[in-house]
C-alpha cells in the first residue's frame, strides 16, 4: 500500500512542478494569470472501522485554479495598447465564420488591413454604443459592434482621421482634419460571478462556462469593472521569486516521495530474502 501512497505523492509533486514551470515560462506573456495546484488527502474507511487506526491513502489533485490578481502596468505610449486597472476583461470576437465571443486581459491591439482593431490572435475588439456625451446606451451583447477605425469623417469625406483617443472609461473618440470629433463607442468590458470558473483558451483569453456564469457587459469604471489605461499593457502577475521558492518546495516533495518508495522497496526485498 505504501507504494501507491507514495506514487500519488509523486504524481502530485509532478503536477505541482508542471504548474509552476508554466507560470515561470509565461513571465513575459502579456495579460497572463498564474495558476496554483490544489491538493486534498485520500482517506477511506468502512462504517465499522475505527479511523484512529487507519492511515491515509495518499493525495489527489483537487484542481488547478488561476489567480486573477493585478499585473504590473508597462507604459508603451501606443494609444491602442490598453490595460485594465482593476477587475474585468476585454470582450473580443473571433473572425468569421465562428464569430465566437471570448474575454481577454491582453490589450495589445492593432489595426488590420480592414481597419478593424484586433488583438494578437486576430480577434476583434468590441464597442458598446454611446450617445454624444459618451454615455453608453445599451449593455446587450446583440448591440455590440466591431471596433473599426474610420478613414474619414462620415459627414465630410474630405476630412481624414488625425487622431484616436481612449479615456479611462473606455470611450473611443475620433478626431478629423476638419476639427470634428466623433465618439465611436465604449470598449466593451465583461465581468463574471466567478472568474475561477472561466475556461482558459491560451493567449490570455478565456471563455465563459456554467461555473463562471454569463458575462455582464458594461463600460470601464462601472460597477466592479476597473478603468482602462491607454498606452499601457498589463504584464503577467507572476512573481519569479515566489515561483522559484515554490519550485524548490515541489522538488523536495518529489524527492521525499521517491525516497519513501525506495525505502518501501528495500523493506519488501528484505522480507522476501528471509529464510525459514
Protein backbone atom coordinates (compact mmCIF):
# COMPACT_ATOMS: atom_id res chain seq x y z
CA UNK A 1 0.00 0.00 0.00
CA UNK A 2 2.87 2.37 0.78
CA UNK A 3 3.96 2.09 -2.88
CA UNK A 4 0.66 3.54 -4.09
CA UNK A 5 0.56 6.17 -1.35
CA UNK A 6 3.99 7.46 -2.33
CA UNK A 7 3.14 7.12 -6.01
CA UNK A 8 0.19 9.50 -5.52
CA UNK A 9 2.62 11.90 -3.85
CA UNK A 10 4.98 11.67 -6.82
CA UNK A 11 2.15 12.41 -9.24
CA UNK A 12 1.02 15.36 -7.11
CA UNK A 13 4.55 16.78 -6.94
CA UNK A 14 4.93 16.34 -10.72
CA UNK A 15 1.67 18.24 -11.31
CA UNK A 16 2.83 20.99 -8.97
CA UNK A 17 6.13 21.21 -10.88
CA UNK A 18 4.23 21.44 -14.19
CA UNK A 19 2.04 24.28 -12.93
CA UNK A 20 4.99 26.22 -11.53
CA UNK A 21 7.01 25.66 -14.72
CA UNK A 22 4.13 27.04 -16.79
CA UNK A 23 3.99 30.14 -14.58
CA UNK A 24 7.73 30.73 -14.95
CA UNK A 25 7.63 30.14 -18.71
CA UNK A 26 4.94 32.83 -19.11
CA UNK A 27 6.65 35.53 -17.07
CA UNK A 28 6.78 37.77 -20.17
CA UNK A 29 3.32 36.88 -21.56
CA UNK A 30 1.08 39.96 -21.68
CA UNK A 31 -2.03 39.59 -19.54
CA UNK A 32 -1.05 36.10 -18.31
CA UNK A 33 -2.54 34.95 -14.99
CA UNK A 34 -0.59 32.47 -12.90
CA UNK A 35 -2.10 29.18 -11.69
CA UNK A 36 -1.93 27.19 -8.48
CA UNK A 37 -2.43 23.46 -7.96
CA UNK A 38 -4.70 22.47 -5.07
CA UNK A 39 -4.48 19.06 -3.40
CA UNK A 40 -6.53 17.03 -0.94
CA UNK A 41 -5.81 13.91 1.12
CA UNK A 42 -7.25 10.47 0.33
CA UNK A 43 -8.87 8.62 3.21
CA UNK A 44 -11.29 5.68 3.19
CA UNK A 45 -12.77 3.55 5.95
CA UNK A 46 -15.82 1.35 6.43
CA UNK A 47 -18.52 2.47 8.90
CA UNK A 48 -17.46 -0.23 11.39
CA UNK A 49 -13.74 0.63 11.39
CA UNK A 50 -12.05 2.82 13.97
CA UNK A 51 -10.46 5.64 11.98
CA UNK A 52 -7.83 6.17 14.68
CA UNK A 53 -6.09 3.02 13.49
CA UNK A 54 -6.21 3.70 9.75
CA UNK A 55 -3.57 5.63 7.79
CA UNK A 56 -4.38 7.85 4.86
CA UNK A 57 -4.00 6.55 1.34
CA UNK A 58 -2.20 9.43 -0.32
CA UNK A 59 -3.07 12.66 -2.07
CA UNK A 60 -5.21 13.68 -5.04
CA UNK A 61 -5.42 16.75 -7.25
CA UNK A 62 -8.42 18.88 -6.26
CA UNK A 63 -7.97 21.32 -9.12
CA UNK A 64 -5.80 23.90 -10.83
CA UNK A 65 -7.07 27.43 -10.31
CA UNK A 66 -5.92 30.66 -11.94
CA UNK A 67 -5.10 33.67 -9.81
CA UNK A 68 -6.67 36.81 -11.30
CA UNK A 69 -4.62 39.33 -9.37
CA UNK A 70 -3.45 42.57 -10.94
CA UNK A 71 -0.28 42.51 -13.03
CA UNK A 72 2.22 45.34 -13.35
CA UNK A 73 1.43 48.14 -15.83
CA UNK A 74 4.07 48.75 -18.51
CA UNK A 75 3.93 52.05 -20.42
CA UNK A 76 4.13 51.78 -24.22
CA UNK A 77 2.87 55.21 -25.38
CA UNK A 78 0.75 53.48 -28.04
CA UNK A 79 -2.91 54.53 -27.96
CA UNK A 80 -4.29 51.09 -28.85
CA UNK A 81 -2.27 49.35 -26.15
CA UNK A 82 -4.82 49.02 -23.36
CA UNK A 83 -4.53 47.75 -19.79
CA UNK A 84 -7.25 47.22 -17.20
CA UNK A 85 -6.55 48.74 -13.79
CA UNK A 86 -8.82 46.54 -11.69
CA UNK A 87 -11.25 43.75 -12.47
CA UNK A 88 -12.80 42.85 -15.80
CA UNK A 89 -11.96 41.58 -19.27
CA UNK A 90 -12.00 42.93 -22.80
CA UNK A 91 -14.81 41.38 -24.85
CA UNK A 92 -13.46 40.29 -28.25
CA UNK A 93 -14.97 38.40 -31.17
CA UNK A 94 -13.17 35.94 -33.41
CA UNK A 95 -13.13 36.33 -37.18
CA UNK A 96 -15.94 34.80 -39.32
CA UNK A 97 -17.36 32.25 -39.65
CA UNK A 98 -17.21 31.40 -35.93
CA UNK A 99 -17.73 34.96 -34.56
CA UNK A 100 -17.25 33.48 -31.08
CA UNK A 101 -17.01 35.78 -28.08
CA UNK A 102 -14.08 35.41 -25.73
CA UNK A 103 -12.62 37.52 -22.97
CA UNK A 104 -9.08 38.74 -22.59
CA UNK A 105 -6.71 40.73 -20.38
CA UNK A 106 -4.23 41.10 -23.26
CA UNK A 107 -4.83 44.63 -24.55
CA UNK A 108 -2.13 44.67 -27.25
CA UNK A 109 -4.47 45.84 -30.01
CA UNK A 110 -3.56 46.94 -33.53
CA UNK A 111 -5.30 47.81 -36.81
CA UNK A 112 -5.53 45.19 -39.59
CA UNK A 113 -5.96 45.67 -43.36
CA UNK A 114 -9.71 46.13 -42.97
CA UNK A 115 -9.18 48.91 -40.37
CA UNK A 116 -10.51 46.60 -37.65
CA UNK A 117 -8.91 46.84 -34.22
CA UNK A 118 -7.73 43.32 -33.39
CA UNK A 119 -5.71 41.64 -30.67
CA UNK A 120 -2.67 39.38 -31.01
CA UNK A 121 -4.71 36.39 -32.26
CA UNK A 122 -6.84 38.42 -34.68
CA UNK A 123 -9.99 38.68 -32.54
CA UNK A 124 -11.88 41.95 -32.99
CA UNK A 125 -12.31 44.43 -30.14
CA UNK A 126 -15.96 45.21 -29.42
CA UNK A 127 -17.65 48.54 -28.73
CA UNK A 128 -20.83 49.34 -26.84
CA UNK A 129 -22.98 52.15 -28.32
CA UNK A 130 -22.74 55.59 -26.70
CA UNK A 131 -24.57 58.90 -27.08
CA UNK A 132 -22.98 62.23 -27.98
CA UNK A 133 -21.84 62.66 -24.37
CA UNK A 134 -20.06 59.32 -24.24
CA UNK A 135 -22.69 57.61 -22.06
CA UNK A 136 -23.45 54.03 -23.08
CA UNK A 137 -26.97 53.41 -24.35
CA UNK A 138 -27.02 49.60 -24.19
CA UNK A 139 -25.25 46.76 -22.40
CA UNK A 140 -26.72 44.00 -24.57
CA UNK A 141 -24.31 41.73 -26.43
CA UNK A 142 -26.51 41.99 -29.53
CA UNK A 143 -25.84 45.75 -29.69
CA UNK A 144 -22.05 45.43 -29.66
CA UNK A 145 -20.21 46.41 -32.84
CA UNK A 146 -16.70 45.79 -34.12
CA UNK A 147 -14.15 48.49 -33.33
CA UNK A 148 -13.35 49.85 -36.80
CA UNK A 149 -11.08 52.87 -37.26
CA UNK A 150 -12.72 55.36 -39.69
CA UNK A 151 -10.64 56.62 -42.57
CA UNK A 152 -12.54 59.92 -42.85
CA UNK A 153 -15.33 61.95 -41.25
CA UNK A 154 -18.70 60.35 -42.20
CA UNK A 155 -20.12 63.87 -42.53
CA UNK A 156 -17.21 65.14 -44.61
CA UNK A 157 -15.37 62.53 -46.75
CA UNK A 158 -12.63 65.06 -47.49
CA UNK A 159 -11.69 65.25 -43.79
CA UNK A 160 -9.24 62.48 -42.89
CA UNK A 161 -8.71 60.89 -39.50
CA UNK A 162 -5.98 62.60 -37.48
CA UNK A 163 -6.25 61.05 -34.02
CA UNK A 164 -7.83 58.30 -31.92
CA UNK A 165 -8.10 58.68 -28.15
CA UNK A 166 -9.48 56.40 -25.42
CA UNK A 167 -10.33 57.72 -21.97
CA UNK A 168 -10.35 55.84 -18.65
CA UNK A 169 -14.00 54.84 -19.15
CA UNK A 170 -13.10 53.25 -22.48
CA UNK A 171 -14.90 55.83 -24.63
CA UNK A 172 -13.23 55.98 -28.07
CA UNK A 173 -13.08 59.39 -29.76
CA UNK A 174 -12.01 60.03 -33.35
CA UNK A 175 -10.73 63.47 -34.42
CA UNK A 176 -10.63 64.52 -38.08
CA UNK A 177 -8.67 67.09 -40.06
CA UNK A 178 -11.68 69.44 -40.20
CA UNK A 179 -11.72 69.64 -36.41
CA UNK A 180 -14.80 67.45 -35.94
CA UNK A 181 -14.76 64.83 -33.22
CA UNK A 182 -16.93 61.72 -33.10
CA UNK A 183 -17.41 59.22 -30.29
CA UNK A 184 -17.26 55.75 -31.84
CA UNK A 185 -18.38 53.83 -28.76
CA UNK A 186 -17.04 52.45 -25.48
CA UNK A 187 -14.71 49.47 -25.18
CA UNK A 188 -16.92 46.51 -24.21
CA UNK A 189 -15.88 45.10 -20.83
CA UNK A 190 -17.11 41.95 -19.11
CA UNK A 191 -17.32 40.77 -15.52
CA UNK A 192 -18.32 37.37 -14.11
CA UNK A 193 -19.79 35.95 -10.93
CA UNK A 194 -16.88 33.51 -10.62
CA UNK A 195 -13.76 34.25 -12.66
CA UNK A 196 -12.19 31.00 -11.42
CA UNK A 197 -14.82 29.18 -13.47
CA UNK A 198 -13.65 30.65 -16.79
CA UNK A 199 -12.17 28.23 -19.31
CA UNK A 200 -8.63 29.14 -20.44
CA UNK A 201 -8.09 29.22 -24.22
CA UNK A 202 -4.46 30.33 -24.30
CA UNK A 203 -3.01 33.70 -25.36
CA UNK A 204 -4.58 35.25 -22.21
CA UNK A 205 -8.09 34.52 -23.49
CA UNK A 206 -10.96 32.83 -21.65
CA UNK A 207 -14.44 31.54 -22.44
CA UNK A 208 -17.46 31.70 -20.14
CA UNK A 209 -18.80 28.45 -18.68
CA UNK A 210 -21.67 27.36 -16.48
CA UNK A 211 -19.36 27.74 -13.47
CA UNK A 212 -18.31 31.30 -14.33
CA UNK A 213 -21.82 32.47 -15.16
CA UNK A 214 -22.82 34.68 -18.07
CA UNK A 215 -20.78 37.75 -18.93
CA UNK A 216 -22.12 41.04 -17.58
CA UNK A 217 -21.23 43.73 -20.13
CA UNK A 218 -20.61 47.37 -19.34
CA UNK A 219 -18.04 50.11 -19.89
CA UNK A 220 -14.88 50.56 -17.85
CA UNK A 221 -15.26 52.16 -14.43
CA UNK A 222 -18.83 50.89 -13.99
CA UNK A 223 -19.66 48.66 -11.04
CA UNK A 224 -16.92 46.11 -10.42
CA UNK A 225 -15.09 46.92 -13.64
CA UNK A 226 -11.72 48.64 -13.48
CA UNK A 227 -10.58 51.60 -15.53
CA UNK A 228 -8.83 51.44 -18.89
CA UNK A 229 -5.31 52.80 -19.24
CA UNK A 230 -4.48 53.72 -22.83
CA UNK A 231 -0.78 53.47 -23.68
CA UNK A 232 -0.13 50.68 -21.18
CA UNK A 233 -0.01 46.88 -21.18
CA UNK A 234 -0.58 44.59 -18.22
CA UNK A 235 2.31 42.21 -17.61
CA UNK A 236 1.96 38.70 -16.21
CA UNK A 237 1.16 38.58 -12.49
CA UNK A 238 3.98 36.10 -11.89
CA UNK A 239 6.40 36.82 -9.02
CA UNK A 240 9.51 34.98 -10.16
CA UNK A 241 10.99 34.86 -6.63
CA UNK A 242 7.83 33.30 -5.23
CA UNK A 243 7.73 30.76 -8.06
CA UNK A 244 11.35 29.72 -7.50
CA UNK A 245 10.66 29.12 -3.80
CA UNK A 246 7.60 27.04 -4.75
CA UNK A 247 9.74 25.17 -7.27
CA UNK A 248 12.23 24.19 -4.55
CA UNK A 249 9.39 23.04 -2.30
CA UNK A 250 7.83 20.92 -5.06
CA UNK A 251 11.23 19.41 -5.85
CA UNK A 252 11.74 18.45 -2.19
CA UNK A 253 8.29 16.85 -2.08
CA UNK A 254 9.13 14.82 -5.18
CA UNK A 255 12.43 13.67 -3.71
CA UNK A 256 10.82 12.72 -0.39
CA UNK A 257 8.14 10.59 -2.06
CA UNK A 258 10.74 8.93 -4.27
CA UNK A 259 12.76 8.13 -1.14
CA UNK A 260 9.66 6.64 0.50
CA UNK A 261 9.17 4.31 -2.48
CA UNK A 262 12.82 3.29 -2.35
CA UNK A 263 12.58 2.57 1.38
CA UNK A 264 9.42 0.52 0.92
CA UNK A 265 11.12 -1.44 -1.87
CA UNK A 266 14.09 -2.16 0.39
CA UNK A 267 11.86 -3.43 3.20
CA UNK A 268 9.90 -5.63 0.78
CA UNK A 269 13.12 -7.09 -0.63
CA UNK A 270 14.39 -7.81 2.90
CA UNK A 271 11.21 -9.71 3.77
CA UNK A 272 11.40 -11.72 0.55
CA UNK A 273 15.00 -12.69 1.35
CA UNK A 274 14.13 -14.05 4.79
CA UNK A 275 14.77 -17.77 5.05
CA UNK A 276 12.80 -20.01 7.33
